[in-house]
Amino acid sequence: QVQLVESGGGLVQPGGSLRLSCAASGISGIIFRLYAMDWYRQAPGKQRDLVAGISSGGSTNYADSVKGRFTVSRENAKNTVYLQMNSLKPNDTAIYYCHTKGGILHYWGQGTQVTVSS
């Protein structure tokens, strides 16, 4: 059973930066590196949307709203994926979730709150 735990959220002023981490457990490092990993976010009253993803080979993709500001990366030796968020804006405020898929099964973390406010 894959378990994902996010950390690194918090309150930051507009223009600031945060780095989110997602640690995967219940899975060996050999298998983790085969998984594509994603970051989603959900603002109050809105649907959960894809923010960024990274493939097993390291290819990345981003939502248009975060391109040039956010960077997703992974450290397979630590079973961890990161989301570096720069130039944060108030509309980046949301709960950020880590996600992966194994076959037909989807795995989600519990989420970490990011609040961008002055």
Protein backbone atom coordinates (compact mmCIF):
# COMPACT_ATOMS: atom_id res chain seq x y z
CA GLN A 1 0.00 0.00 0.00
CA VAL A 2 1.55 3.27 -1.13
CA GLN A 3 1.30 6.12 1.34
CA LEU A 4 2.05 9.72 0.43
CA VAL A 5 2.79 12.42 2.99
CA GLU A 6 3.06 16.07 2.00
CA SER A 7 4.86 18.75 3.98
CA GLY A 8 6.13 22.28 3.55
CA GLY A 9 2.92 24.26 3.29
CA GLY A 10 2.27 27.44 5.21
CA LEU A 11 1.51 31.14 5.06
CA VAL A 12 3.59 33.26 2.70
CA GLN A 13 3.34 36.79 1.38
CA PRO A 14 2.69 37.47 -2.31
CA GLY A 15 5.91 37.15 -4.25
CA GLY A 16 7.33 34.68 -1.76
CA SER A 17 8.43 31.08 -2.16
CA LEU A 18 7.68 27.70 -0.65
CA ARG A 19 8.96 24.21 -1.31
CA LEU A 20 6.56 21.33 -0.85
CA SER A 21 7.74 17.78 -0.31
CA CYS A 22 5.93 14.50 -0.83
CA ALA A 23 7.44 11.40 0.73
CA ALA A 24 6.27 7.99 -0.47
CA SER A 25 6.33 4.96 1.81
CA GLY A 26 5.18 1.38 1.43
CA ILE A 27 7.10 1.15 -1.79
CA SER A 28 10.69 0.28 -2.58
CA GLY A 29 13.00 2.76 -4.20
CA ILE A 30 13.31 0.53 -7.23
CA ILE A 31 9.55 0.69 -7.75
CA PHE A 32 9.15 4.36 -6.79
CA ARG A 33 11.38 5.47 -9.64
CA LEU A 34 8.95 3.82 -12.06
CA TYR A 35 6.00 5.89 -10.87
CA ALA A 36 4.93 9.18 -12.40
CA MET A 37 4.14 11.67 -9.64
CA ASP A 38 1.79 14.63 -9.71
CA TRP A 39 0.86 17.66 -7.68
CA TYR A 40 -2.76 18.82 -7.58
CA ARG A 41 -4.40 21.68 -5.74
CA GLN A 42 -7.88 22.49 -4.60
CA ALA A 43 -9.06 25.94 -3.59
CA PRO A 44 -12.23 26.41 -1.51
CA GLY A 45 -15.33 25.81 -3.59
CA LYS A 46 -13.33 24.71 -6.64
CA GLN A 47 -12.41 21.41 -8.23
CA ARG A 48 -9.08 19.71 -7.73
CA ASP A 49 -6.76 20.64 -10.60
CA LEU A 50 -3.45 19.31 -11.83
CA VAL A 51 -0.58 21.69 -11.09
CA ALA A 52 2.51 19.77 -12.20
CA GLY A 53 3.68 16.29 -12.98
CA ILE A 54 6.95 14.43 -13.39
CA SER A 55 7.37 11.14 -15.21
CA SER A 56 9.57 8.25 -14.24
CA GLY A 57 12.10 9.53 -16.76
CA GLY A 58 12.06 13.05 -15.35
CA SER A 59 9.88 14.73 -17.99
CA THR A 60 7.75 17.46 -16.50
CA ASN A 61 4.49 19.19 -17.32
CA TYR A 62 2.79 22.20 -15.78
CA ALA A 63 -0.53 23.96 -15.70
CA ASP A 64 -0.39 27.18 -17.68
CA SER A 65 -1.10 29.18 -14.54
CA VAL A 66 2.14 28.07 -12.88
CA LYS A 67 4.56 27.76 -15.80
CA GLY A 68 7.74 29.69 -15.15
CA ARG A 69 7.01 29.93 -11.42
CA PHE A 70 6.77 26.35 -10.18
CA THR A 71 9.27 23.53 -10.61
CA VAL A 72 8.60 19.86 -9.93
CA SER A 73 11.49 17.50 -9.23
CA ARG A 74 12.11 14.11 -7.70
CA GLU A 75 14.77 12.48 -5.60
CA ASN A 76 14.37 8.75 -6.15
CA ALA A 77 16.96 7.84 -3.51
CA LYS A 78 14.63 9.39 -0.92
CA ASN A 79 11.31 8.32 -2.47
CA THR A 80 10.44 12.01 -2.54
CA VAL A 81 9.02 14.49 -5.01
CA TYR A 82 9.21 18.25 -4.59
CA LEU A 83 7.31 21.29 -5.78
CA GLN A 84 9.30 24.53 -5.68
CA MET A 85 6.90 27.44 -5.84
CA ASN A 86 8.22 30.94 -6.55
CA SER A 87 6.55 34.28 -7.16
CA LEU A 88 3.49 33.08 -5.30
CA LYS A 89 0.19 34.86 -5.86
CA PRO A 90 -2.96 35.00 -3.72
CA ASN A 91 -4.78 32.77 -6.20
CA ASP A 92 -2.22 30.04 -5.56
CA THR A 93 -3.89 29.63 -2.17
CA ALA A 94 -5.17 26.06 -1.95
CA ILE A 95 -4.62 22.67 -0.41
CA TYR A 96 -1.87 20.95 -2.38
CA TYR A 97 -2.05 17.19 -2.85
CA CYS A 98 0.50 14.66 -4.00
CA HIS A 99 -0.79 11.91 -6.29
CA THR A 100 0.40 8.81 -8.05
CA LYS A 101 -1.19 5.90 -9.83
CA GLY A 102 -0.27 2.25 -9.77
CA GLY A 103 -2.23 0.29 -12.35
CA ILE A 104 -5.87 1.13 -11.73
CA LEU A 105 -5.22 2.35 -8.18
CA HIS A 106 -4.86 6.03 -7.33
CA TYR A 107 -2.99 7.19 -4.27
CA TRP A 108 -3.38 10.59 -2.63
CA GLY A 109 -1.68 12.32 0.25
CA GLN A 110 -3.61 14.13 2.95
CA GLY A 111 -2.72 17.53 1.51
CA THR A 112 -0.85 20.55 2.78
CA GLN A 113 -2.32 24.04 3.02
CA VAL A 114 -0.67 26.89 1.16
CA THR A 115 -1.94 30.37 1.91
CA VAL A 116 -0.63 33.39 0.02
CA SER A 117 -1.66 36.59 1.74
CA SER A 118 -0.25 39.86 2.95
